[in-house]
Every structure is written in structure tokens, then in C-alpha cells.
PDB file of N, CA and C in Angstrom:
ATOM      1  N   MET A   1       6.356  26.581   7.821  1.00  0.00           N
ATOM      2  CA  MET A   1       5.805  25.236   7.970  1.00  0.00           C
ATOM      3  C   MET A   1       4.677  25.257   9.003  1.00  0.00           C
ATOM      4  N   SER A   2       3.467  25.024   8.528  1.00  0.00           N
ATOM      5  CA  SER A   2       2.386  24.996   9.470  1.00  0.00           C
ATOM      6  C   SER A   2       1.899  23.588   9.663  1.00  0.00           C
ATOM      7  N   GLU A   3       1.241  23.348  10.783  1.00  0.00           N
ATOM      8  CA  GLU A   3       0.669  22.041  11.066  1.00  0.00           C
ATOM      9  C   GLU A   3      -0.455  21.817  10.081  1.00  0.00           C
ATOM     10  N   SER A   4      -0.572  20.595   9.603  1.00  0.00           N
ATOM     11  CA  SER A   4      -1.658  20.264   8.690  1.00  0.00           C
ATOM     12  C   SER A   4      -2.976  20.362   9.457  1.00  0.00           C
ATOM     13  N   ALA A   5      -4.011  20.775   8.748  1.00  0.00           N
ATOM     14  CA  ALA A   5      -5.342  20.875   9.354  1.00  0.00           C
ATOM     15  C   ALA A   5      -5.934  19.473   9.532  1.00  0.00           C
ATOM     16  N   ASN A   6      -5.312  18.469   8.957  1.00  0.00           N
ATOM     17  CA  ASN A   6      -5.853  17.113   9.004  1.00  0.00           C
ATOM     18  C   ASN A   6      -4.768  16.156   9.518  1.00  0.00           C
ATOM     19  N   PRO A   7      -4.868  15.813  10.836  1.00  0.00           N
ATOM     20  CA  PRO A   7      -3.843  14.885  11.410  1.00  0.00           C
ATOM     21  C   PRO A   7      -3.874  13.504  10.789  1.00  0.00           C
ATOM     22  N   VAL A   8      -4.998  13.101  10.221  1.00  0.00           N
ATOM     23  CA  VAL A   8      -5.050  11.768   9.588  1.00  0.00           C
ATOM     24  C   VAL A   8      -4.206  11.771   8.303  1.00  0.00           C
ATOM     25  N   LEU A   9      -4.234  12.860   7.539  1.00  0.00           N
ATOM     26  CA  LEU A   9      -3.373  12.962   6.375  1.00  0.00           C
ATOM     27  C   LEU A   9      -1.919  12.954   6.744  1.00  0.00           C
ATOM     28  N   ASP A  10      -1.599  13.579   7.873  1.00  0.00           N
ATOM     29  CA  ASP A  10      -0.199  13.557   8.400  1.00  0.00           C
ATOM     30  C   ASP A  10       0.201  12.114   8.727  1.00  0.00           C
ATOM     31  N   GLN A  11      -0.701  11.380   9.378  1.00  0.00           N
ATOM     32  CA  GLN A  11      -0.464   9.985   9.741  1.00  0.00           C
ATOM     33  C   GLN A  11      -0.233   9.140   8.495  1.00  0.00           C
ATOM     34  N   ILE A  12      -1.059   9.328   7.482  1.00  0.00           N
ATOM     35  CA  ILE A  12      -0.918   8.576   6.214  1.00  0.00           C
ATOM     36  C   ILE A  12       0.457   8.898   5.582  1.00  0.00           C
ATOM     37  N   LYS A  13       0.801  10.186   5.572  1.00  0.00           N
ATOM     38  CA  LYS A  13       2.090  10.624   4.979  1.00  0.00           C
ATOM     39  C   LYS A  13       3.245   9.913   5.730  1.00  0.00           C
ATOM     40  N   GLU A  14       3.158   9.881   7.057  1.00  0.00           N
ATOM     41  CA  GLU A  14       4.215   9.206   7.848  1.00  0.00           C
ATOM     42  C   GLU A  14       4.280   7.724   7.518  1.00  0.00           C
ATOM     43  N   GLN A  15       3.127   7.082   7.391  1.00  0.00           N
ATOM     44  CA  GLN A  15       3.130   5.641   7.081  1.00  0.00           C
ATOM     45  C   GLN A  15       3.752   5.382   5.731  1.00  0.00           C
ATOM     46  N   ILE A  16       3.358   6.178   4.743  1.00  0.00           N
ATOM     47  CA  ILE A  16       3.862   5.981   3.383  1.00  0.00           C
ATOM     48  C   ILE A  16       5.395   6.301   3.306  1.00  0.00           C
ATOM     49  N   GLU A  17       5.826   7.351   3.989  1.00  0.00           N
ATOM     50  CA  GLU A  17       7.232   7.702   3.981  1.00  0.00           C
ATOM     51  C   GLU A  17       8.063   6.759   4.837  1.00  0.00           C
ATOM     52  N   GLY A  18       7.467   6.191   5.844  1.00  0.00           N
ATOM     53  CA  GLY A  18       8.195   5.342   6.780  1.00  0.00           C
ATOM     54  C   GLY A  18       8.311   3.889   6.372  1.00  0.00           C
ATOM     55  N   ASN A  19       7.561   3.481   5.337  1.00  0.00           N
ATOM     56  CA  ASN A  19       7.559   2.091   4.886  1.00  0.00           C
ATOM     57  C   ASN A  19       7.786   2.075   3.375  1.00  0.00           C
ATOM     58  N   PRO A  20       8.911   1.464   2.943  1.00  0.00           N
ATOM     59  CA  PRO A  20       9.207   1.446   1.500  1.00  0.00           C
ATOM     60  C   PRO A  20       8.073   0.757   0.691  1.00  0.00           C
ATOM     61  N   ILE A  21       7.451  -0.253   1.310  1.00  0.00           N
ATOM     62  CA  ILE A  21       6.393  -0.988   0.630  1.00  0.00           C
ATOM     63  C   ILE A  21       5.202  -1.062   1.636  1.00  0.00           C
ATOM     64  N   ILE A  22       4.094  -0.468   1.277  1.00  0.00           N
ATOM     65  CA  ILE A  22       2.914  -0.501   2.183  1.00  0.00           C
ATOM     66  C   ILE A  22       1.667  -0.677   1.327  1.00  0.00           C
ATOM     67  N   ILE A  23       0.793  -1.520   1.803  1.00  0.00           N
ATOM     68  CA  ILE A  23      -0.479  -1.719   1.142  1.00  0.00           C
ATOM     69  C   ILE A  23      -1.602  -1.314   2.093  1.00  0.00           C
ATOM     70  N   TYR A  24      -2.516  -0.574   1.600  1.00  0.00           N
ATOM     71  CA  TYR A  24      -3.730  -0.209   2.336  1.00  0.00           C
ATOM     72  C   TYR A  24      -4.771  -1.136   1.737  1.00  0.00           C
ATOM     73  N   MET A  25      -5.362  -2.006   2.595  1.00  0.00           N
ATOM     74  CA  MET A  25      -6.246  -3.018   2.160  1.00  0.00           C
ATOM     75  C   MET A  25      -7.402  -3.268   3.117  1.00  0.00           C
ATOM     76  N   LYS A  26      -8.344  -4.024   2.674  1.00  0.00           N
ATOM     77  CA  LYS A  26      -9.471  -4.422   3.503  1.00  0.00           C
ATOM     78  C   LYS A  26      -9.112  -5.767   4.153  1.00  0.00           C
ATOM     79  N   GLY A  27      -8.875  -5.748   5.450  1.00  0.00           N
ATOM     80  CA  GLY A  27      -8.442  -6.933   6.157  1.00  0.00           C
ATOM     81  C   GLY A  27      -6.933  -6.956   6.317  1.00  0.00           C
ATOM     82  N   SER A  28      -6.380  -8.149   6.495  1.00  0.00           N
ATOM     83  CA  SER A  28      -4.929  -8.301   6.672  1.00  0.00           C
ATOM     84  C   SER A  28      -4.412  -9.240   5.565  1.00  0.00           C
ATOM     85  N   PRO A  29      -3.103  -9.284   5.393  1.00  0.00           N
ATOM     86  CA  PRO A  29      -2.583 -10.181   4.350  1.00  0.00           C
ATOM     87  C   PRO A  29      -2.988 -11.645   4.516  1.00  0.00           C
ATOM     88  N   ASN A  30      -3.109 -12.060   5.762  1.00  0.00           N
ATOM     89  CA  ASN A  30      -3.504 -13.482   6.038  1.00  0.00           C
ATOM     90  C   ASN A  30      -5.000 -13.665   6.072  1.00  0.00           C
ATOM     91  N   ALA A  31      -5.760 -12.580   6.146  1.00  0.00           N
ATOM     92  CA  ALA A  31      -7.223 -12.665   6.170  1.00  0.00           C
ATOM     93  C   ALA A  31      -7.843 -11.484   5.466  1.00  0.00           C
ATOM     94  N   PRO A  32      -7.591 -11.389   4.148  1.00  0.00           N
ATOM     95  CA  PRO A  32      -8.185 -10.290   3.398  1.00  0.00           C
ATOM     96  C   PRO A  32      -9.720 -10.308   3.419  1.00  0.00           C
ATOM     97  N   GLN A  33     -10.323  -9.151   3.443  1.00  0.00           N
ATOM     98  CA  GLN A  33     -11.784  -9.033   3.619  1.00  0.00           C
ATOM     99  C   GLN A  33     -12.486  -8.714   2.290  1.00  0.00           C
ATOM    100  N   CYS A  34     -11.777  -8.722   1.166  1.00  0.00           N
ATOM    101  CA  CYS A  34     -12.441  -8.572  -0.143  1.00  0.00           C
ATOM    102  C   CYS A  34     -11.544  -9.182  -1.193  1.00  0.00           C
ATOM    103  N   GLY A  35     -12.152  -9.572  -2.309  1.00  0.00           N
ATOM    104  CA  GLY A  35     -11.420 -10.238  -3.361  1.00  0.00           C
ATOM    105  C   GLY A  35     -10.319  -9.395  -3.957  1.00  0.00           C
ATOM    106  N   PHE A  36     -10.534  -8.137  -4.087  1.00  0.00           N
ATOM    107  CA  PHE A  36      -9.521  -7.247  -4.682  1.00  0.00           C
ATOM    108  C   PHE A  36      -8.283  -7.166  -3.775  1.00  0.00           C
ATOM    109  N   SER A  37      -8.519  -7.022  -2.471  1.00  0.00           N
ATOM    110  CA  SER A  37      -7.405  -7.008  -1.536  1.00  0.00           C
ATOM    111  C   SER A  37      -6.688  -8.356  -1.540  1.00  0.00           C
ATOM    112  N   ALA A  38      -7.449  -9.467  -1.621  1.00  0.00           N
ATOM    113  CA  ALA A  38      -6.857 -10.803  -1.627  1.00  0.00           C
ATOM    114  C   ALA A  38      -5.948 -10.972  -2.829  1.00  0.00           C
ATOM    115  N   ARG A  39      -6.416 -10.588  -4.010  1.00  0.00           N
ATOM    116  CA  ARG A  39      -5.595 -10.766  -5.222  1.00  0.00           C
ATOM    117  C   ARG A  39      -4.373  -9.861  -5.180  1.00  0.00           C
ATOM    118  N   THR A  40      -4.537  -8.660  -4.736  1.00  0.00           N
ATOM    119  CA  THR A  40      -3.404  -7.731  -4.671  1.00  0.00           C
ATOM    120  C   THR A  40      -2.326  -8.198  -3.707  1.00  0.00           C
ATOM    121  N   VAL A  41      -2.763  -8.626  -2.499  1.00  0.00           N
ATOM    122  CA  VAL A  41      -1.795  -9.018  -1.503  1.00  0.00           C
ATOM    123  C   VAL A  41      -1.116 -10.358  -1.903  1.00  0.00           C
ATOM    124  N   GLN A  42      -1.837 -11.193  -2.593  1.00  0.00           N
ATOM    125  CA  GLN A  42      -1.236 -12.453  -3.108  1.00  0.00           C
ATOM    126  C   GLN A  42      -0.101 -12.148  -4.055  1.00  0.00           C
ATOM    127  N   ALA A  43      -0.342 -11.239  -4.967  1.00  0.00           N
ATOM    128  CA  ALA A  43       0.730 -10.837  -5.925  1.00  0.00           C
ATOM    129  C   ALA A  43       1.896 -10.230  -5.171  1.00  0.00           C
ATOM    130  N   LEU A  44       1.616  -9.405  -4.182  1.00  0.00           N
ATOM    131  CA  LEU A  44       2.670  -8.747  -3.423  1.00  0.00           C
ATOM    132  C   LEU A  44       3.487  -9.777  -2.616  1.00  0.00           C
ATOM    133  N   MET A  45       2.771 -10.707  -1.950  1.00  0.00           N
ATOM    134  CA  MET A  45       3.447 -11.752  -1.147  1.00  0.00           C
ATOM    135  C   MET A  45       4.287 -12.664  -2.067  1.00  0.00           C
ATOM    136  N   ALA A  46       3.844 -12.883  -3.297  1.00  0.00           N
ATOM    137  CA  ALA A  46       4.603 -13.754  -4.207  1.00  0.00           C
ATOM    138  C   ALA A  46       5.916 -13.119  -4.591  1.00  0.00           C
ATOM    139  N   CYS A  47       6.083 -11.826  -4.368  1.00  0.00           N
ATOM    140  CA  CYS A  47       7.360 -11.148  -4.673  1.00  0.00           C
ATOM    141  C   CYS A  47       8.387 -11.434  -3.626  1.00  0.00           C
ATOM    142  N   GLY A  48       7.970 -11.889  -2.474  1.00  0.00           N
ATOM    143  CA  GLY A  48       8.901 -12.386  -1.461  1.00  0.00           C
ATOM    144  C   GLY A  48       9.597 -11.307  -0.628  1.00  0.00           C
ATOM    145  N   GLU A  49       9.088 -10.096  -0.617  1.00  0.00           N
ATOM    146  CA  GLU A  49       9.682  -9.027   0.196  1.00  0.00           C
ATOM    147  C   GLU A  49       8.740  -8.689   1.353  1.00  0.00           C
ATOM    148  N   ARG A  50       9.365  -8.202   2.444  1.00  0.00           N
ATOM    149  CA  ARG A  50       8.527  -7.753   3.563  1.00  0.00           C
ATOM    150  C   ARG A  50       7.826  -6.454   3.196  1.00  0.00           C
ATOM    151  N   PHE A  51       6.614  -6.273   3.730  1.00  0.00           N
ATOM    152  CA  PHE A  51       5.870  -5.069   3.467  1.00  0.00           C
ATOM    153  C   PHE A  51       4.984  -4.771   4.669  1.00  0.00           C
ATOM    154  N   ALA A  52       4.610  -3.517   4.756  1.00  0.00           N
ATOM    155  CA  ALA A  52       3.676  -3.088   5.784  1.00  0.00           C
ATOM    156  C   ALA A  52       2.275  -3.085   5.218  1.00  0.00           C
ATOM    157  N   TYR A  53       1.291  -3.189   6.102  1.00  0.00           N
ATOM    158  CA  TYR A  53      -0.067  -3.026   5.632  1.00  0.00           C
ATOM    159  C   TYR A  53      -0.905  -2.300   6.677  1.00  0.00           C
ATOM    160  N   VAL A  54      -1.984  -1.688   6.163  1.00  0.00           N
ATOM    161  CA  VAL A  54      -2.939  -1.019   7.034  1.00  0.00           C
ATOM    162  C   VAL A  54      -4.313  -1.538   6.644  1.00  0.00           C
ATOM    163  N   ASP A  55      -5.044  -2.049   7.634  1.00  0.00           N
ATOM    164  CA  ASP A  55      -6.422  -2.517   7.412  1.00  0.00           C
ATOM    165  C   ASP A  55      -7.343  -1.298   7.485  1.00  0.00           C
ATOM    166  N   VAL A  56      -7.877  -0.930   6.326  1.00  0.00           N
ATOM    167  CA  VAL A  56      -8.724   0.262   6.284  1.00  0.00           C
ATOM    168  C   VAL A  56     -10.092   0.054   6.957  1.00  0.00           C
ATOM    169  N   LEU A  57     -10.468  -1.231   7.104  1.00  0.00           N
ATOM    170  CA  LEU A  57     -11.719  -1.518   7.769  1.00  0.00           C
ATOM    171  C   LEU A  57     -11.655  -1.202   9.267  1.00  0.00           C
ATOM    172  N   SER A  58     -10.488  -1.434   9.863  1.00  0.00           N
ATOM    173  CA  SER A  58     -10.353  -1.151  11.265  1.00  0.00           C
ATOM    174  C   SER A  58      -9.734   0.248  11.524  1.00  0.00           C
ATOM    175  N   ASN A  59      -9.526   0.986  10.456  1.00  0.00           N
ATOM    176  CA  ASN A  59      -9.042   2.355  10.538  1.00  0.00           C
ATOM    177  C   ASN A  59      -9.928   3.288   9.669  1.00  0.00           C
ATOM    178  N   PRO A  60     -11.142   3.524  10.104  1.00  0.00           N
ATOM    179  CA  PRO A  60     -12.098   4.299   9.281  1.00  0.00           C
ATOM    180  C   PRO A  60     -11.600   5.690   8.897  1.00  0.00           C
ATOM    181  N   ASP A  61     -10.802   6.343   9.740  1.00  0.00           N
ATOM    182  CA  ASP A  61     -10.291   7.674   9.393  1.00  0.00           C
ATOM    183  C   ASP A  61      -9.350   7.577   8.218  1.00  0.00           C
ATOM    184  N   ILE A  62      -8.528   6.530   8.211  1.00  0.00           N
ATOM    185  CA  ILE A  62      -7.621   6.362   7.090  1.00  0.00           C
ATOM    186  C   ILE A  62      -8.413   5.966   5.842  1.00  0.00           C
ATOM    187  N   ARG A  63      -9.393   5.111   6.011  1.00  0.00           N
ATOM    188  CA  ARG A  63     -10.194   4.718   4.869  1.00  0.00           C
ATOM    189  C   ARG A  63     -10.862   5.923   4.207  1.00  0.00           C
ATOM    190  N   GLN A  64     -11.272   6.864   5.040  1.00  0.00           N
ATOM    191  CA  GLN A  64     -11.973   8.082   4.533  1.00  0.00           C
ATOM    192  C   GLN A  64     -10.988   9.044   3.905  1.00  0.00           C
ATOM    193  N   ASN A  65      -9.822   9.161   4.471  1.00  0.00           N
ATOM    194  CA  ASN A  65      -8.852  10.201   4.007  1.00  0.00           C
ATOM    195  C   ASN A  65      -7.825   9.768   2.949  1.00  0.00           C
ATOM    196  N   LEU A  66      -7.528   8.502   2.878  1.00  0.00           N
ATOM    197  CA  LEU A  66      -6.513   8.022   1.936  1.00  0.00           C
ATOM    198  C   LEU A  66      -6.845   8.382   0.491  1.00  0.00           C
ATOM    199  N   PRO A  67      -8.140   8.209   0.061  1.00  0.00           N
ATOM    200  CA  PRO A  67      -8.469   8.588  -1.314  1.00  0.00           C
ATOM    201  C   PRO A  67      -8.136  10.063  -1.608  1.00  0.00           C
ATOM    202  N   LEU A  68      -8.237  10.927  -0.585  1.00  0.00           N
ATOM    203  CA  LEU A  68      -7.856  12.342  -0.778  1.00  0.00           C
ATOM    204  C   LEU A  68      -6.349  12.483  -0.961  1.00  0.00           C
ATOM    205  N   TYR A  69      -5.635  11.742  -0.108  1.00  0.00           N
ATOM    206  CA  TYR A  69      -4.165  11.846  -0.123  1.00  0.00           C
ATOM    207  C   TYR A  69      -3.583  11.376  -1.448  1.00  0.00           C
ATOM    208  N   GLY A  70      -4.037  10.237  -1.933  1.00  0.00           N
ATOM    209  CA  GLY A  70      -3.423   9.693  -3.145  1.00  0.00           C
ATOM    210  C   GLY A  70      -4.230   9.959  -4.392  1.00  0.00           C
ATOM    211  N   ASN A  71      -5.373  10.640  -4.238  1.00  0.00           N
ATOM    212  CA  ASN A  71      -6.233  10.921  -5.374  1.00  0.00           C
ATOM    213  C   ASN A  71      -6.600   9.620  -6.094  1.00  0.00           C
ATOM    214  N   TRP A  72      -6.890   8.572  -5.296  1.00  0.00           N
ATOM    215  CA  TRP A  72      -7.258   7.263  -5.819  1.00  0.00           C
ATOM    216  C   TRP A  72      -8.433   6.777  -4.982  1.00  0.00           C
ATOM    217  N   PRO A  73      -9.600   6.560  -5.589  1.00  0.00           N
ATOM    218  CA  PRO A  73     -10.823   6.372  -4.819  1.00  0.00           C
ATOM    219  C   PRO A  73     -11.038   5.012  -4.146  1.00  0.00           C
ATOM    220  N   THR A  74     -10.286   3.995  -4.588  1.00  0.00           N
ATOM    221  CA  THR A  74     -10.636   2.651  -4.181  1.00  0.00           C
ATOM    222  C   THR A  74      -9.519   1.968  -3.395  1.00  0.00           C
ATOM    223  N   PHE A  75      -9.832   0.817  -2.821  1.00  0.00           N
ATOM    224  CA  PHE A  75      -8.891   0.017  -2.115  1.00  0.00           C
ATOM    225  C   PHE A  75      -8.848  -1.374  -2.759  1.00  0.00           C
ATOM    226  N   PRO A  76      -7.743  -2.059  -2.717  1.00  0.00           N
ATOM    227  CA  PRO A  76      -6.492  -1.716  -2.029  1.00  0.00           C
ATOM    228  C   PRO A  76      -5.674  -0.652  -2.782  1.00  0.00           C
ATOM    229  N   GLN A  77      -4.710  -0.122  -2.079  1.00  0.00           N
ATOM    230  CA  GLN A  77      -3.737   0.799  -2.681  1.00  0.00           C
ATOM    231  C   GLN A  77      -2.347   0.325  -2.263  1.00  0.00           C
ATOM    232  N   LEU A  78      -1.493   0.110  -3.276  1.00  0.00           N
ATOM    233  CA  LEU A  78      -0.114  -0.230  -3.014  1.00  0.00           C
ATOM    234  C   LEU A  78       0.757   0.969  -3.262  1.00  0.00           C
ATOM    235  N   TRP A  79       1.553   1.278  -2.257  1.00  0.00           N
ATOM    236  CA  TRP A  79       2.516   2.394  -2.323  1.00  0.00           C
ATOM    237  C   TRP A  79       3.934   1.822  -2.201  1.00  0.00           C
ATOM    238  N   VAL A  80       4.824   2.222  -3.085  1.00  0.00           N
ATOM    239  CA  VAL A  80       6.229   1.795  -3.043  1.00  0.00           C
ATOM    240  C   VAL A  80       7.090   3.039  -3.133  1.00  0.00           C
ATOM    241  N   ASN A  81       8.008   3.136  -2.171  1.00  0.00           N
ATOM    242  CA  ASN A  81       8.916   4.313  -2.104  1.00  0.00           C
ATOM    243  C   ASN A  81       8.186   5.625  -2.218  1.00  0.00           C
ATOM    244  N   GLY A  82       7.037   5.704  -1.511  1.00  0.00           N
ATOM    245  CA  GLY A  82       6.281   6.959  -1.437  1.00  0.00           C
ATOM    246  C   GLY A  82       5.413   7.250  -2.690  1.00  0.00           C
ATOM    247  N   GLU A  83       5.397   6.341  -3.641  1.00  0.00           N
ATOM    248  CA  GLU A  83       4.578   6.573  -4.832  1.00  0.00           C
ATOM    249  C   GLU A  83       3.459   5.544  -4.898  1.00  0.00           C
ATOM    250  N   LEU A  84       2.289   6.017  -5.280  1.00  0.00           N
ATOM    251  CA  LEU A  84       1.142   5.137  -5.477  1.00  0.00           C
ATOM    252  C   LEU A  84       1.324   4.312  -6.745  1.00  0.00           C
ATOM    253  N   ILE A  85       1.411   3.012  -6.552  1.00  0.00           N
ATOM    254  CA  ILE A  85       1.503   2.088  -7.711  1.00  0.00           C
ATOM    255  C   ILE A  85       0.120   1.889  -8.311  1.00  0.00           C
ATOM    256  N   GLY A  86      -0.855   1.670  -7.466  1.00  0.00           N
ATOM    257  CA  GLY A  86      -2.221   1.487  -7.948  1.00  0.00           C
ATOM    258  C   GLY A  86      -2.989   0.453  -7.150  1.00  0.00           C
ATOM    259  N   GLY A  87      -4.065   0.029  -7.726  1.00  0.00           N
ATOM    260  CA  GLY A  87      -4.941  -0.916  -7.072  1.00  0.00           C
ATOM    261  C   GLY A  87      -4.833  -2.318  -7.653  1.00  0.00           C
ATOM    262  N   CYS A  88      -5.825  -3.111  -7.445  1.00  0.00           N
ATOM    263  CA  CYS A  88      -5.820  -4.505  -7.828  1.00  0.00           C
ATOM    264  C   CYS A  88      -5.445  -4.765  -9.261  1.00  0.00           C
ATOM    265  N   ASP A  89      -6.132  -4.112 -10.225  1.00  0.00           N
ATOM    266  CA  ASP A  89      -5.894  -4.378 -11.633  1.00  0.00           C
ATOM    267  C   ASP A  89      -4.454  -4.084 -12.035  1.00  0.00           C
ATOM    268  N   ILE A  90      -3.962  -2.928 -11.609  1.00  0.00           N
ATOM    269  CA  ILE A  90      -2.611  -2.496 -11.961  1.00  0.00           C
ATOM    270  C   ILE A  90      -1.575  -3.405 -11.374  1.00  0.00           C
ATOM    271  N   VAL A  91      -1.737  -3.711 -10.061  1.00  0.00           N
ATOM    272  CA  VAL A  91      -0.761  -4.544  -9.358  1.00  0.00           C
ATOM    273  C   VAL A  91      -0.779  -5.965  -9.957  1.00  0.00           C
ATOM    274  N   THR A  92      -1.954  -6.518 -10.223  1.00  0.00           N
ATOM    275  CA  THR A  92      -2.045  -7.845 -10.818  1.00  0.00           C
ATOM    276  C   THR A  92      -1.407  -7.891 -12.168  1.00  0.00           C
ATOM    277  N   GLU A  93      -1.675  -6.869 -13.005  1.00  0.00           N
ATOM    278  CA  GLU A  93      -1.081  -6.814 -14.335  1.00  0.00           C
ATOM    279  C   GLU A  93       0.423  -6.688 -14.228  1.00  0.00           C
ATOM    280  N   MET A  94       0.913  -5.859 -13.342  1.00  0.00           N
ATOM    281  CA  MET A  94       2.371  -5.699 -13.167  1.00  0.00           C
ATOM    282  C   MET A  94       3.003  -7.035 -12.717  1.00  0.00           C
ATOM    283  N   TYR A  95       2.308  -7.745 -11.838  1.00  0.00           N
ATOM    284  CA  TYR A  95       2.808  -9.025 -11.353  1.00  0.00           C
ATOM    285  C   TYR A  95       2.919 -10.025 -12.519  1.00  0.00           C
ATOM    286  N   GLU A  96       1.880 -10.059 -13.353  1.00  0.00           N
ATOM    287  CA  GLU A  96       1.829 -11.026 -14.439  1.00  0.00           C
ATOM    288  C   GLU A  96       2.964 -10.719 -15.456  1.00  0.00           C
ATOM    289  N   LYS A  97       3.297  -9.471 -15.628  1.00  0.00           N
ATOM    290  CA  LYS A  97       4.390  -9.068 -16.522  1.00  0.00           C
ATOM    291  C   LYS A  97       5.749  -9.159 -15.918  1.00  0.00           C
ATOM    292  N   GLY A  98       5.810  -9.455 -14.621  1.00  0.00           N
ATOM    293  CA  GLY A  98       7.113  -9.553 -13.932  1.00  0.00           C
ATOM    294  C   GLY A  98       7.625  -8.203 -13.452  1.00  0.00           C
ATOM    295  N   GLU A  99       6.827  -7.144 -13.642  1.00  0.00           N
ATOM    296  CA  GLU A  99       7.298  -5.782 -13.256  1.00  0.00           C
ATOM    297  C   GLU A  99       7.198  -5.562 -11.772  1.00  0.00           C
ATOM    298  N   LEU A 100       6.194  -6.145 -11.127  1.00  0.00           N
ATOM    299  CA  LEU A 100       5.987  -5.897  -9.705  1.00  0.00           C
ATOM    300  C   LEU A 100       7.157  -6.372  -8.889  1.00  0.00           C
ATOM    301  N   LYS A 101       7.622  -7.578  -9.169  1.00  0.00           N
ATOM    302  CA  LYS A 101       8.765  -8.123  -8.409  1.00  0.00           C
ATOM    303  C   LYS A 101       9.984  -7.190  -8.479  1.00  0.00           C
ATOM    304  N   THR A 102      10.225  -6.637  -9.675  1.00  0.00           N
ATOM    305  CA  THR A 102      11.367  -5.716  -9.860  1.00  0.00           C
ATOM    306  C   THR A 102      11.181  -4.493  -9.009  1.00  0.00           C
ATOM    307  N   VAL A 103      10.006  -3.878  -9.074  1.00  0.00           N
ATOM    308  CA  VAL A 103       9.747  -2.633  -8.311  1.00  0.00           C
ATOM    309  C   VAL A 103       9.872  -2.866  -6.827  1.00  0.00           C
ATOM    310  N   VAL A 104       9.253  -3.997  -6.364  1.00  0.00           N
ATOM    311  CA  VAL A 104       9.270  -4.315  -4.924  1.00  0.00           C
ATOM    312  C   VAL A 104      10.640  -4.694  -4.440  1.00  0.00           C
ATOM    313  N   SER A 105      11.370  -5.478  -5.256  1.00  0.00           N
ATOM    314  CA  SER A 105      12.747  -5.910  -4.872  1.00  0.00           C
ATOM    315  C   SER A 105      13.689  -4.720  -4.779  1.00  0.00           C
ATOM    316  N   GLU A 106      13.530  -3.765  -5.735  1.00  0.00           N
ATOM    317  CA  GLU A 106      14.362  -2.556  -5.713  1.00  0.00           C
ATOM    318  C   GLU A 106      14.076  -1.714  -4.486  1.00  0.00           C
ATOM    319  N   ALA A 107      12.792  -1.594  -4.127  1.00  0.00           N
ATOM    320  CA  ALA A 107      12.403  -0.814  -2.961  1.00  0.00           C
ATOM    321  C   ALA A 107      12.977  -1.448  -1.714  1.00  0.00           C
ATOM    322  N   ALA A 108      12.853  -2.773  -1.611  1.00  0.00           N
ATOM    323  CA  ALA A 108      13.380  -3.485  -0.441  1.00  0.00           C
ATOM    324  C   ALA A 108      14.874  -3.383  -0.334  1.00  0.00           C
ATOM    325  N   ALA A 109      15.574  -3.448  -1.460  1.00  0.00           N
ATOM    326  CA  ALA A 109      17.030  -3.401  -1.489  1.00  0.00           C
ATOM    327  C   ALA A 109      17.514  -2.015  -1.077  1.00  0.00           C
ATOM    328  N   SER A 110      16.795  -0.976  -1.485  1.00  0.00           N
ATOM    329  CA  SER A 110      17.227   0.384  -1.176  1.00  0.00           C
ATOM    330  C   SER A 110      16.829   0.800   0.265  1.00  0.00           C
ATOM    331  N   ASN A 111      16.070  -0.039   0.941  1.00  0.00           N
ATOM    332  CA  ASN A 111      15.640   0.243   2.313  1.00  0.00           C
ATOM    333  C   ASN A 111      15.805  -1.029   3.115  1.00  0.00           C
ATOM    334  N   PRO A 112      17.053  -1.417   3.440  1.00  0.00           N
ATOM    335  CA  PRO A 112      17.267  -2.675   4.168  1.00  0.00           C
ATOM    336  C   PRO A 112      16.534  -2.624   5.527  1.00  0.00           C
ATOM    337  N   ALA A 113      16.058  -3.745   5.937  1.00  0.00           N
ATOM    338  CA  ALA A 113      15.334  -3.840   7.221  1.00  0.00           C
ATOM    339  C   ALA A 113      16.345  -3.567   8.348  1.00  0.00           C
ATOM    340  N   GLU A 114      15.768  -3.123   9.480  1.00  0.00           N
ATOM    341  CA  GLU A 114      16.602  -2.801  10.654  1.00  0.00           C
ATOM    342  C   GLU A 114      17.529  -3.950  10.996  1.00  0.00           C
TER     343      GLU A 114
END
């Protein structure tokens, strides 16, 4: 086991593994800084579960490296139980079909809050 050559990727891995539901977005859930982040976080908040977020605008290292980590070029990015769910279009579509609530509720149930 060697140390990663990129500490930012290590930080991202820790965030994703340490939070059952995490969204990487522009801005914050209460003050999104782009329409895609706003729509995605609205759908996520409507599911009624707690989630973590990272503002990629105030974390330029994460903004630069996350696309490498998840092989997904754009923001926002929703991760649930260590897996990339997707960005705005996918999350919004899942929400409209009722799938997002199921995925998010199961993740929250399998990882009860402290």
C-alpha cells in the first residue's frame, strides 16, 4: 500500500466513503451558484434525508480533481454509498420517476446518523 501521489484524490475518496449521500455542487444547498446545482439539490432535498455537500467553487482542488476521480466531467455530482449516481439530468429524471427517493432512503437507512 503506497501513499497516493495526489492527496486531493485521497481527500475526495475519504469524503465519498465517509458520507453515504454527498453532492459536489456549485454553491451550497441553500445558495446554489448554478441552475444545474439548484435543480439537483432541490430534488435531493425533496427526498427528505440528510446529506453532505462540497462547494466546488470554494474548493478549486476538488473541482479540478473530482472529474478524474469519478470519470465524470461536470458538476453537480451526486454520490450515494460510494457510487456516482450522476449529474443534474440523471438525478432529476430519477426524482421524477420516484427512484431517487428509494436510493437515498436506502442509503440513509443503512447508515444511521450518529
